[in-house]
PDB file of N, CA and C in Angstrom:
ATOM      1  N   UNK A   1       7.623  12.494   3.255  1.00  0.00           N
ATOM      2  CA  UNK A   1       8.238  11.254   3.384  1.00  0.00           C
ATOM      3  C   UNK A   1       9.625  11.410   3.129  1.00  0.00           C
ATOM      4  N   UNK A   2       9.197  10.929   0.814  1.00  0.00           N
ATOM      5  CA  UNK A   2       9.768  11.463   0.095  1.00  0.00           C
ATOM      6  C   UNK A   2      10.653  13.119   0.187  1.00  0.00           C
ATOM      7  N   UNK A   3      12.551  12.939   0.013  1.00  0.00           N
ATOM      8  CA  UNK A   3      12.661  14.008   0.538  1.00  0.00           C
ATOM      9  C   UNK A   3      13.122  14.495  -0.682  1.00  0.00           C
ATOM     10  N   UNK A   4      12.741  15.691  -1.184  1.00  0.00           N
ATOM     11  CA  UNK A   4      12.729  16.926  -2.229  1.00  0.00           C
ATOM     12  C   UNK A   4      14.249  16.015  -3.753  1.00  0.00           C
ATOM     13  N   UNK A   5      15.024  15.415  -2.471  1.00  0.00           N
ATOM     14  CA  UNK A   5      15.441  15.161  -3.901  1.00  0.00           C
ATOM     15  C   UNK A   5      15.689  13.621  -4.216  1.00  0.00           C
ATOM     16  N   UNK A   6      13.864  13.444  -4.208  1.00  0.00           N
ATOM     17  CA  UNK A   6      13.608  11.652  -4.467  1.00  0.00           C
ATOM     18  C   UNK A   6      13.250  11.758  -5.851  1.00  0.00           C
ATOM     19  N   UNK A   7      13.335  12.964  -5.914  1.00  0.00           N
ATOM     20  CA  UNK A   7      11.814  13.031  -7.206  1.00  0.00           C
ATOM     21  C   UNK A   7      12.796  12.493  -8.446  1.00  0.00           C
ATOM     22  N   UNK A   8      13.897  13.523  -8.904  1.00  0.00           N
ATOM     23  CA  UNK A   8      14.663  12.883  -9.661  1.00  0.00           C
ATOM     24  C   UNK A   8      15.352  11.940 -10.031  1.00  0.00           C
ATOM     25  N   UNK A   9      15.441  11.258  -8.552  1.00  0.00           N
ATOM     26  CA  UNK A   9      15.867  10.043  -8.967  1.00  0.00           C
ATOM     27  C   UNK A   9      14.838   9.137  -8.984  1.00  0.00           C
ATOM     28  N   UNK A  10      13.156   9.227  -9.325  1.00  0.00           N
ATOM     29  CA  UNK A  10      12.600   8.058 -10.138  1.00  0.00           C
ATOM     30  C   UNK A  10      12.695   8.502 -11.732  1.00  0.00           C
ATOM     31  N   UNK A  11      13.119   9.688 -12.446  1.00  0.00           N
ATOM     32  CA  UNK A  11      13.014   9.879 -13.755  1.00  0.00           C
ATOM     33  C   UNK A  11      12.109   9.247 -14.434  1.00  0.00           C
ATOM     34  N   UNK A  12      12.293   8.744 -15.825  1.00  0.00           N
ATOM     35  CA  UNK A  12      10.523   8.564 -15.669  1.00  0.00           C
ATOM     36  C   UNK A  12       9.628   8.159 -16.005  1.00  0.00           C
ATOM     37  N   UNK A  13       9.242   7.579 -14.508  1.00  0.00           N
ATOM     38  CA  UNK A  13       8.834   6.899 -13.662  1.00  0.00           C
ATOM     39  C   UNK A  13       6.979   8.172 -13.164  1.00  0.00           C
ATOM     40  N   UNK A  14       5.891   7.918 -13.766  1.00  0.00           N
ATOM     41  CA  UNK A  14       5.154   8.847 -13.129  1.00  0.00           C
ATOM     42  C   UNK A  14       4.676   8.967 -11.701  1.00  0.00           C
ATOM     43  N   UNK A  15       4.690  10.152 -11.064  1.00  0.00           N
ATOM     44  CA  UNK A  15       5.402  10.861  -9.579  1.00  0.00           C
ATOM     45  C   UNK A  15       4.066  10.263  -8.916  1.00  0.00           C
ATOM     46  N   UNK A  16       3.210  10.130  -9.191  1.00  0.00           N
ATOM     47  CA  UNK A  16       0.787   9.544  -9.125  1.00  0.00           C
ATOM     48  C   UNK A  16       1.477   8.441  -9.784  1.00  0.00           C
ATOM     49  N   UNK A  17       2.107   7.599  -9.380  1.00  0.00           N
ATOM     50  CA  UNK A  17       1.701   5.675  -9.503  1.00  0.00           C
ATOM     51  C   UNK A  17       2.565   5.578  -8.864  1.00  0.00           C
ATOM     52  N   UNK A  18       1.633   4.227  -7.956  1.00  0.00           N
ATOM     53  CA  UNK A  18       2.060   3.645  -6.800  1.00  0.00           C
ATOM     54  C   UNK A  18       2.814   2.551  -6.808  1.00  0.00           C
ATOM     55  N   UNK A  19       3.869   2.218  -8.504  1.00  0.00           N
ATOM     56  CA  UNK A  19       4.736   1.078  -8.186  1.00  0.00           C
ATOM     57  C   UNK A  19       5.811   2.559  -7.842  1.00  0.00           C
ATOM     58  N   UNK A  20       5.614   3.919  -8.615  1.00  0.00           N
ATOM     59  CA  UNK A  20       6.688   5.024  -8.515  1.00  0.00           C
ATOM     60  C   UNK A  20       7.140   5.567  -7.433  1.00  0.00           C
ATOM     61  N   UNK A  21       6.236   5.770  -6.580  1.00  0.00           N
ATOM     62  CA  UNK A  21       5.699   5.950  -4.876  1.00  0.00           C
ATOM     63  C   UNK A  21       6.515   4.880  -3.865  1.00  0.00           C
ATOM     64  N   UNK A  22       5.901   3.757  -4.722  1.00  0.00           N
ATOM     65  CA  UNK A  22       7.367   2.161  -3.840  1.00  0.00           C
ATOM     66  C   UNK A  22       8.538   2.302  -4.165  1.00  0.00           C
ATOM     67  N   UNK A  23       9.180   2.818  -5.654  1.00  0.00           N
ATOM     68  CA  UNK A  23      10.467   3.053  -5.673  1.00  0.00           C
ATOM     69  C   UNK A  23      11.382   3.650  -5.213  1.00  0.00           C
ATOM     70  N   UNK A  24      10.616   5.084  -4.572  1.00  0.00           N
ATOM     71  CA  UNK A  24      11.062   6.171  -3.927  1.00  0.00           C
ATOM     72  C   UNK A  24      11.913   5.717  -3.088  1.00  0.00           C
ATOM     73  N   UNK A  25      10.618   5.227  -2.410  1.00  0.00           N
ATOM     74  CA  UNK A  25      10.469   4.930  -0.593  1.00  0.00           C
ATOM     75  C   UNK A  25      11.338   3.743  -0.317  1.00  0.00           C
ATOM     76  N   UNK A  26      11.641   2.803  -1.130  1.00  0.00           N
ATOM     77  CA  UNK A  26      13.634   1.657  -1.059  1.00  0.00           C
ATOM     78  C   UNK A  26      14.321   2.122  -1.603  1.00  0.00           C
ATOM     79  N   UNK A  27      14.200   2.910  -2.325  1.00  0.00           N
ATOM     80  CA  UNK A  27      15.448   3.951  -2.855  1.00  0.00           C
ATOM     81  C   UNK A  27      16.143   5.469  -1.583  1.00  0.00           C
ATOM     82  N   UNK A  28      14.945   5.574  -0.776  1.00  0.00           N
ATOM     83  CA  UNK A  28      15.394   6.587   0.294  1.00  0.00           C
ATOM     84  C   UNK A  28      14.692   6.251   1.760  1.00  0.00           C
ATOM     85  N   UNK A  29      15.184   5.002   1.553  1.00  0.00           N
ATOM     86  CA  UNK A  29      15.169   4.490   2.780  1.00  0.00           C
ATOM     87  C   UNK A  29      15.017   3.321   3.798  1.00  0.00           C
ATOM     88  N   UNK A  30      15.196   3.318   5.090  1.00  0.00           N
ATOM     89  CA  UNK A  30      16.710   2.031   5.176  1.00  0.00           C
ATOM     90  C   UNK A  30      15.171   1.550   5.789  1.00  0.00           C
ATOM     91  N   UNK A  31      14.842  -0.425   5.916  1.00  0.00           N
ATOM     92  CA  UNK A  31      13.729  -0.600   6.944  1.00  0.00           C
ATOM     93  C   UNK A  31      13.950  -0.350   7.642  1.00  0.00           C
ATOM     94  N   UNK A  32      14.896   0.518   8.679  1.00  0.00           N
ATOM     95  CA  UNK A  32      14.214   0.943  10.472  1.00  0.00           C
ATOM     96  C   UNK A  32      13.948   2.637  10.166  1.00  0.00           C
ATOM     97  N   UNK A  33      13.435   3.404   8.824  1.00  0.00           N
ATOM     98  CA  UNK A  33      13.348   4.078   8.996  1.00  0.00           C
ATOM     99  C   UNK A  33      12.154   4.310   9.305  1.00  0.00           C
ATOM    100  N   UNK A  34      11.500   2.848   8.307  1.00  0.00           N
ATOM    101  CA  UNK A  34      10.089   2.548   7.522  1.00  0.00           C
ATOM    102  C   UNK A  34       9.173   2.498   8.749  1.00  0.00           C
ATOM    103  N   UNK A  35       7.683   2.986   8.095  1.00  0.00           N
ATOM    104  CA  UNK A  35       6.471   2.688   9.258  1.00  0.00           C
ATOM    105  C   UNK A  35       6.710   1.166   8.984  1.00  0.00           C
ATOM    106  N   UNK A  36       6.182   1.021  11.061  1.00  0.00           N
ATOM    107  CA  UNK A  36       6.371  -0.641  11.595  1.00  0.00           C
ATOM    108  C   UNK A  36       3.775  -0.297  11.204  1.00  0.00           C
ATOM    109  N   UNK A  37       4.274  -1.229  10.422  1.00  0.00           N
ATOM    110  CA  UNK A  37       2.170  -1.805  10.243  1.00  0.00           C
ATOM    111  C   UNK A  37       2.197  -2.943  10.378  1.00  0.00           C
ATOM    112  N   UNK A  38       0.851  -3.187  11.753  1.00  0.00           N
ATOM    113  CA  UNK A  38       0.788  -4.257  11.774  1.00  0.00           C
ATOM    114  C   UNK A  38      -0.819  -4.860  11.765  1.00  0.00           C
ATOM    115  N   UNK A  39      -2.055  -5.443  11.216  1.00  0.00           N
ATOM    116  CA  UNK A  39      -2.517  -5.895  10.813  1.00  0.00           C
ATOM    117  C   UNK A  39      -3.721  -6.378  11.952  1.00  0.00           C
ATOM    118  N   UNK A  40      -4.424  -5.545  12.226  1.00  0.00           N
ATOM    119  CA  UNK A  40      -5.513  -5.954  13.215  1.00  0.00           C
ATOM    120  C   UNK A  40      -6.444  -6.063  13.105  1.00  0.00           C
ATOM    121  N   UNK A  41      -7.549  -6.449  11.848  1.00  0.00           N
ATOM    122  CA  UNK A  41      -8.304  -7.110  11.611  1.00  0.00           C
ATOM    123  C   UNK A  41      -7.755  -7.924  10.492  1.00  0.00           C
ATOM    124  N   UNK A  42      -8.747  -8.916   9.915  1.00  0.00           N
ATOM    125  CA  UNK A  42      -9.209  -9.382   8.738  1.00  0.00           C
ATOM    126  C   UNK A  42     -11.106  -9.530   8.613  1.00  0.00           C
ATOM    127  N   UNK A  43     -11.441  -9.349   7.599  1.00  0.00           N
ATOM    128  CA  UNK A  43     -12.844  -9.705   6.994  1.00  0.00           C
ATOM    129  C   UNK A  43     -13.253 -10.181   6.332  1.00  0.00           C
ATOM    130  N   UNK A  44     -14.148 -11.080   5.973  1.00  0.00           N
ATOM    131  CA  UNK A  44     -14.253 -11.552   4.561  1.00  0.00           C
ATOM    132  C   UNK A  44     -15.978 -11.390   5.008  1.00  0.00           C
ATOM    133  N   UNK A  45     -16.800 -11.635   3.278  1.00  0.00           N
ATOM    134  CA  UNK A  45     -17.706 -11.984   2.692  1.00  0.00           C
ATOM    135  C   UNK A  45     -18.033 -12.724   1.858  1.00  0.00           C
ATOM    136  N   UNK A  46     -19.158 -13.634   1.998  1.00  0.00           N
ATOM    137  CA  UNK A  46     -18.846 -14.257   0.652  1.00  0.00           C
ATOM    138  C   UNK A  46     -20.796 -13.151   0.186  1.00  0.00           C
ATOM    139  N   UNK A  47     -20.412 -13.168  -1.145  1.00  0.00           N
ATOM    140  CA  UNK A  47     -21.374 -12.482  -1.534  1.00  0.00           C
ATOM    141  C   UNK A  47     -21.864 -13.299  -3.188  1.00  0.00           C
ATOM    142  N   UNK A  48     -22.876 -12.740  -3.556  1.00  0.00           N
ATOM    143  CA  UNK A  48     -23.631 -12.766  -4.840  1.00  0.00           C
ATOM    144  C   UNK A  48     -23.639 -12.116  -5.700  1.00  0.00           C
ATOM    145  N   UNK A  49     -23.033 -11.467  -6.513  1.00  0.00           N
ATOM    146  CA  UNK A  49     -23.223 -10.390  -7.184  1.00  0.00           C
ATOM    147  C   UNK A  49     -23.944 -11.359  -9.210  1.00  0.00           C
ATOM    148  N   UNK A  50     -22.711 -11.377 -10.315  1.00  0.00           N
ATOM    149  CA  UNK A  50     -22.716 -12.162 -10.829  1.00  0.00           C
ATOM    150  C   UNK A  50     -21.857 -13.710 -10.353  1.00  0.00           C
ATOM    151  N   UNK A  51     -21.901 -14.062  -9.480  1.00  0.00           N
ATOM    152  CA  UNK A  51     -21.863 -16.197  -8.774  1.00  0.00           C
ATOM    153  C   UNK A  51     -21.699 -15.046  -8.019  1.00  0.00           C
ATOM    154  N   UNK A  52     -20.955 -16.268  -7.522  1.00  0.00           N
ATOM    155  CA  UNK A  52     -20.675 -16.364  -5.994  1.00  0.00           C
ATOM    156  C   UNK A  52     -19.205 -15.512  -5.869  1.00  0.00           C
ATOM    157  N   UNK A  53     -18.729 -14.541  -5.219  1.00  0.00           N
ATOM    158  CA  UNK A  53     -17.420 -13.887  -4.823  1.00  0.00           C
ATOM    159  C   UNK A  53     -17.105 -13.913  -3.263  1.00  0.00           C
ATOM    160  N   UNK A  54     -16.113 -14.169  -2.783  1.00  0.00           N
ATOM    161  CA  UNK A  54     -15.013 -13.934  -2.187  1.00  0.00           C
ATOM    162  C   UNK A  54     -14.647 -12.605  -1.867  1.00  0.00           C
ATOM    163  N   UNK A  55     -15.121 -11.804  -0.207  1.00  0.00           N
ATOM    164  CA  UNK A  55     -14.818  -9.878  -0.601  1.00  0.00           C
ATOM    165  C   UNK A  55     -13.810 -10.316   0.939  1.00  0.00           C
ATOM    166  N   UNK A  56     -12.283  -9.599   0.562  1.00  0.00           N
ATOM    167  CA  UNK A  56     -11.772  -9.607   1.729  1.00  0.00           C
ATOM    168  C   UNK A  56     -10.919  -7.918   2.013  1.00  0.00           C
ATOM    169  N   UNK A  57     -11.531  -8.046   3.491  1.00  0.00           N
ATOM    170  CA  UNK A  57     -10.723  -6.313   3.867  1.00  0.00           C
ATOM    171  C   UNK A  57      -9.644  -7.078   4.510  1.00  0.00           C
ATOM    172  N   UNK A  58      -9.070  -6.044   5.001  1.00  0.00           N
ATOM    173  CA  UNK A  58      -7.616  -6.307   5.872  1.00  0.00           C
ATOM    174  C   UNK A  58      -7.661  -5.250   6.823  1.00  0.00           C
ATOM    175  N   UNK A  59      -7.846  -4.566   7.682  1.00  0.00           N
ATOM    176  CA  UNK A  59      -7.184  -3.024   9.073  1.00  0.00           C
ATOM    177  C   UNK A  59      -6.508  -3.336   9.611  1.00  0.00           C
ATOM    178  N   UNK A  60      -5.712  -1.972   9.770  1.00  0.00           N
ATOM    179  CA  UNK A  60      -4.143  -2.126   9.869  1.00  0.00           C
ATOM    180  C   UNK A  60      -4.213  -1.187  12.024  1.00  0.00           C
ATOM    181  N   UNK A  61      -3.425  -2.007  12.433  1.00  0.00           N
ATOM    182  CA  UNK A  61      -3.677  -0.846  14.009  1.00  0.00           C
ATOM    183  C   UNK A  61      -3.127   0.657  13.436  1.00  0.00           C
ATOM    184  N   UNK A  62      -2.997   1.147  12.686  1.00  0.00           N
ATOM    185  CA  UNK A  62      -3.039   2.665  12.116  1.00  0.00           C
ATOM    186  C   UNK A  62      -3.905   2.811  11.509  1.00  0.00           C
ATOM    187  N   UNK A  63      -5.000   2.835  10.714  1.00  0.00           N
ATOM    188  CA  UNK A  63      -5.858   2.886  10.411  1.00  0.00           C
ATOM    189  C   UNK A  63      -6.801   2.500   9.103  1.00  0.00           C
ATOM    190  N   UNK A  64      -5.804   1.901   8.164  1.00  0.00           N
ATOM    191  CA  UNK A  64      -5.122   2.247   7.617  1.00  0.00           C
ATOM    192  C   UNK A  64      -5.711   0.439   6.781  1.00  0.00           C
ATOM    193  N   UNK A  65      -6.787   0.149   5.976  1.00  0.00           N
ATOM    194  CA  UNK A  65      -7.336  -0.310   5.441  1.00  0.00           C
ATOM    195  C   UNK A  65      -6.941  -0.473   3.773  1.00  0.00           C
ATOM    196  N   UNK A  66      -7.411  -2.185   3.092  1.00  0.00           N
ATOM    197  CA  UNK A  66      -7.339  -2.140   2.283  1.00  0.00           C
ATOM    198  C   UNK A  66      -7.899  -3.572   1.593  1.00  0.00           C
ATOM    199  N   UNK A  67      -8.398  -3.565   0.093  1.00  0.00           N
ATOM    200  CA  UNK A  67      -9.727  -4.068   0.030  1.00  0.00           C
ATOM    201  C   UNK A  67      -9.592  -5.252  -1.015  1.00  0.00           C
ATOM    202  N   UNK A  68      -9.747  -6.090  -2.133  1.00  0.00           N
ATOM    203  CA  UNK A  68      -9.779  -7.028  -2.756  1.00  0.00           C
ATOM    204  C   UNK A  68     -10.442  -8.195  -3.137  1.00  0.00           C
ATOM    205  N   UNK A  69     -11.428  -8.755  -4.070  1.00  0.00           N
ATOM    206  CA  UNK A  69     -11.648 -10.559  -3.826  1.00  0.00           C
ATOM    207  C   UNK A  69     -11.873 -11.111  -4.331  1.00  0.00           C
TER     208      UNK A  69
END
């Protein structure tokens, strides 16, 4: 994804942080070069742990998923 020249362009940002990675991708690629990801499924669940909570999991067509509450 990132070319060798992209890492010095990040400056003082940590290479391992998500904001630094996102900035590196934004500055070294165009929207036409980026991966096209589409949501394939969204699932929710109501749970009671320390009170009522809603958990959400979002799936993509490429097997990537994210979750939150």
